[in-house]
Amino acid sequence: GIIGLDLYLNNQGAAAITVSINGQPPITVAAGAVYAISSTKFWLIQVVAAVNYDLQLSGIRYSTLKAKGLV
């Protein structure tokens, strides 16, 4: 499985996307919005509801996101 320490979800679509991380209650990210968490481990990201989406996972440090003004 995937293990990450920081998560950055940038919804660039035209509709909201709802995801569940590690089986926790779902989180809805509105179109054009960002959701980020730091210093957490995740191994399961499940798309619960979406109209149409592309999901790209990559490693990035939360401090890098802050330095670039993305969160």
C-alpha atoms as a PDB file:
ATOM      1  CA  GLY A   1       0.000   0.000   0.000  1.00  0.00           C
ATOM      2  CA  ILE A   2       0.841   3.663  -0.141  1.00  0.00           C
ATOM      3  CA  ILE A   3       2.122   5.409   2.946  1.00  0.00           C
ATOM      4  CA  GLY A   4       2.372   9.161   2.942  1.00  0.00           C
ATOM      5  CA  LEU A   5       3.098  11.803   5.524  1.00  0.00           C
ATOM      6  CA  ASP A   6       1.456  14.843   3.908  1.00  0.00           C
ATOM      7  CA  LEU A   7      -1.593  14.975   1.658  1.00  0.00           C
ATOM      8  CA  TYR A   8      -2.483  17.737  -0.815  1.00  0.00           C
ATOM      9  CA  LEU A   9      -5.725  17.411  -2.759  1.00  0.00           C
ATOM     10  CA  ASN A  10      -6.261  20.164  -5.341  1.00  0.00           C
ATOM     11  CA  ASN A  11      -9.664  19.789  -6.988  1.00  0.00           C
ATOM     12  CA  GLN A  12      -9.275  21.426 -10.393  1.00  0.00           C
ATOM     13  CA  GLY A  13     -12.502  19.927 -11.705  1.00  0.00           C
ATOM     14  CA  ALA A  14     -15.896  21.532 -12.294  1.00  0.00           C
ATOM     15  CA  ALA A  15     -17.634  19.550  -9.522  1.00  0.00           C
ATOM     16  CA  ALA A  16     -16.968  18.581  -5.923  1.00  0.00           C
ATOM     17  CA  ILE A  17     -15.120  15.362  -5.105  1.00  0.00           C
ATOM     18  CA  THR A  18     -15.632  13.342  -1.930  1.00  0.00           C
ATOM     19  CA  VAL A  19     -12.854  11.115  -0.632  1.00  0.00           C
ATOM     20  CA  SER A  20     -12.337   8.906   2.372  1.00  0.00           C
ATOM     21  CA  ILE A  21      -8.846   8.622   3.833  1.00  0.00           C
ATOM     22  CA  ASN A  22      -7.995   5.439   5.753  1.00  0.00           C
ATOM     23  CA  GLY A  23     -11.691   4.595   6.117  1.00  0.00           C
ATOM     24  CA  GLN A  24     -12.441   7.793   8.072  1.00  0.00           C
ATOM     25  CA  PRO A  25     -15.588   9.867   7.474  1.00  0.00           C
ATOM     26  CA  PRO A  26     -15.647  11.311   3.949  1.00  0.00           C
ATOM     27  CA  ILE A  27     -14.268  14.759   3.139  1.00  0.00           C
ATOM     28  CA  THR A  28     -15.806  16.811   0.331  1.00  0.00           C
ATOM     29  CA  VAL A  29     -13.543  19.185  -1.572  1.00  0.00           C
ATOM     30  CA  ALA A  30     -15.416  21.771  -3.631  1.00  0.00           C
ATOM     31  CA  ALA A  31     -14.518  22.524  -7.239  1.00  0.00           C
ATOM     32  CA  GLY A  32     -11.467  24.782  -7.314  1.00  0.00           C
ATOM     33  CA  ALA A  33     -10.691  24.159  -3.631  1.00  0.00           C
ATOM     34  CA  VAL A  34      -7.709  22.616  -1.862  1.00  0.00           C
ATOM     35  CA  TYR A  35      -7.531  20.203   1.078  1.00  0.00           C
ATOM     36  CA  ALA A  36      -4.213  19.561   2.803  1.00  0.00           C
ATOM     37  CA  ILE A  37      -3.094  17.758   5.938  1.00  0.00           C
ATOM     38  CA  SER A  38       0.385  17.345   7.323  1.00  0.00           C
ATOM     39  CA  SER A  39       2.221  14.872   9.533  1.00  0.00           C
ATOM     40  CA  THR A  40      -0.264  12.067   9.045  1.00  0.00           C
ATOM     41  CA  LYS A  41       0.023   8.585   7.606  1.00  0.00           C
ATOM     42  CA  PHE A  42      -2.381   7.486   4.924  1.00  0.00           C
ATOM     43  CA  TRP A  43      -2.527   4.213   3.055  1.00  0.00           C
ATOM     44  CA  LEU A  44      -6.016   4.166   1.562  1.00  0.00           C
ATOM     45  CA  ILE A  45      -7.655   6.950  -0.415  1.00  0.00           C
ATOM     46  CA  GLN A  46     -11.095   6.020  -1.702  1.00  0.00           C
ATOM     47  CA  VAL A  47     -13.102   8.237  -4.045  1.00  0.00           C
ATOM     48  CA  VAL A  48     -16.608   8.116  -2.584  1.00  0.00           C
ATOM     49  CA  ALA A  49     -18.396  10.483  -4.972  1.00  0.00           C
ATOM     50  CA  ALA A  50     -17.297  12.295  -8.110  1.00  0.00           C
ATOM     51  CA  VAL A  51     -18.676  13.126 -11.524  1.00  0.00           C
ATOM     52  CA  ASN A  52     -15.439  12.671 -13.455  1.00  0.00           C
ATOM     53  CA  TYR A  53     -11.922  12.762 -12.052  1.00  0.00           C
ATOM     54  CA  ASP A  54      -8.226  12.113 -12.525  1.00  0.00           C
ATOM     55  CA  LEU A  55      -6.352  11.214  -9.349  1.00  0.00           C
ATOM     56  CA  GLN A  56      -2.604  11.716  -9.211  1.00  0.00           C
ATOM     57  CA  LEU A  57      -0.606  10.772  -6.136  1.00  0.00           C
ATOM     58  CA  SER A  58       2.881  12.010  -5.510  1.00  0.00           C
ATOM     59  CA  GLY A  59       5.129  12.764  -2.592  1.00  0.00           C
ATOM     60  CA  ILE A  60       5.464  16.357  -1.460  1.00  0.00           C
ATOM     61  CA  ARG A  61       6.352  17.911   1.863  1.00  0.00           C
ATOM     62  CA  TYR A  62       3.812  20.163   3.544  1.00  0.00           C
ATOM     63  CA  SER A  63       6.527  22.743   4.238  1.00  0.00           C
ATOM     64  CA  THR A  64       7.169  22.932   0.476  1.00  0.00           C
ATOM     65  CA  LEU A  65       3.473  23.598  -0.164  1.00  0.00           C
ATOM     66  CA  LYS A  66       3.477  26.386   2.433  1.00  0.00           C
ATOM     67  CA  ALA A  67       6.632  27.939   0.988  1.00  0.00           C
ATOM     68  CA  LYS A  68       5.004  28.056  -2.452  1.00  0.00           C
ATOM     69  CA  GLY A  69       1.788  29.548  -1.042  1.00  0.00           C
ATOM     70  CA  LEU A  70      -0.334  26.553  -2.051  1.00  0.00           C
ATOM     71  CA  VAL A  71      -1.909  26.061   1.397  1.00  0.00           C
END
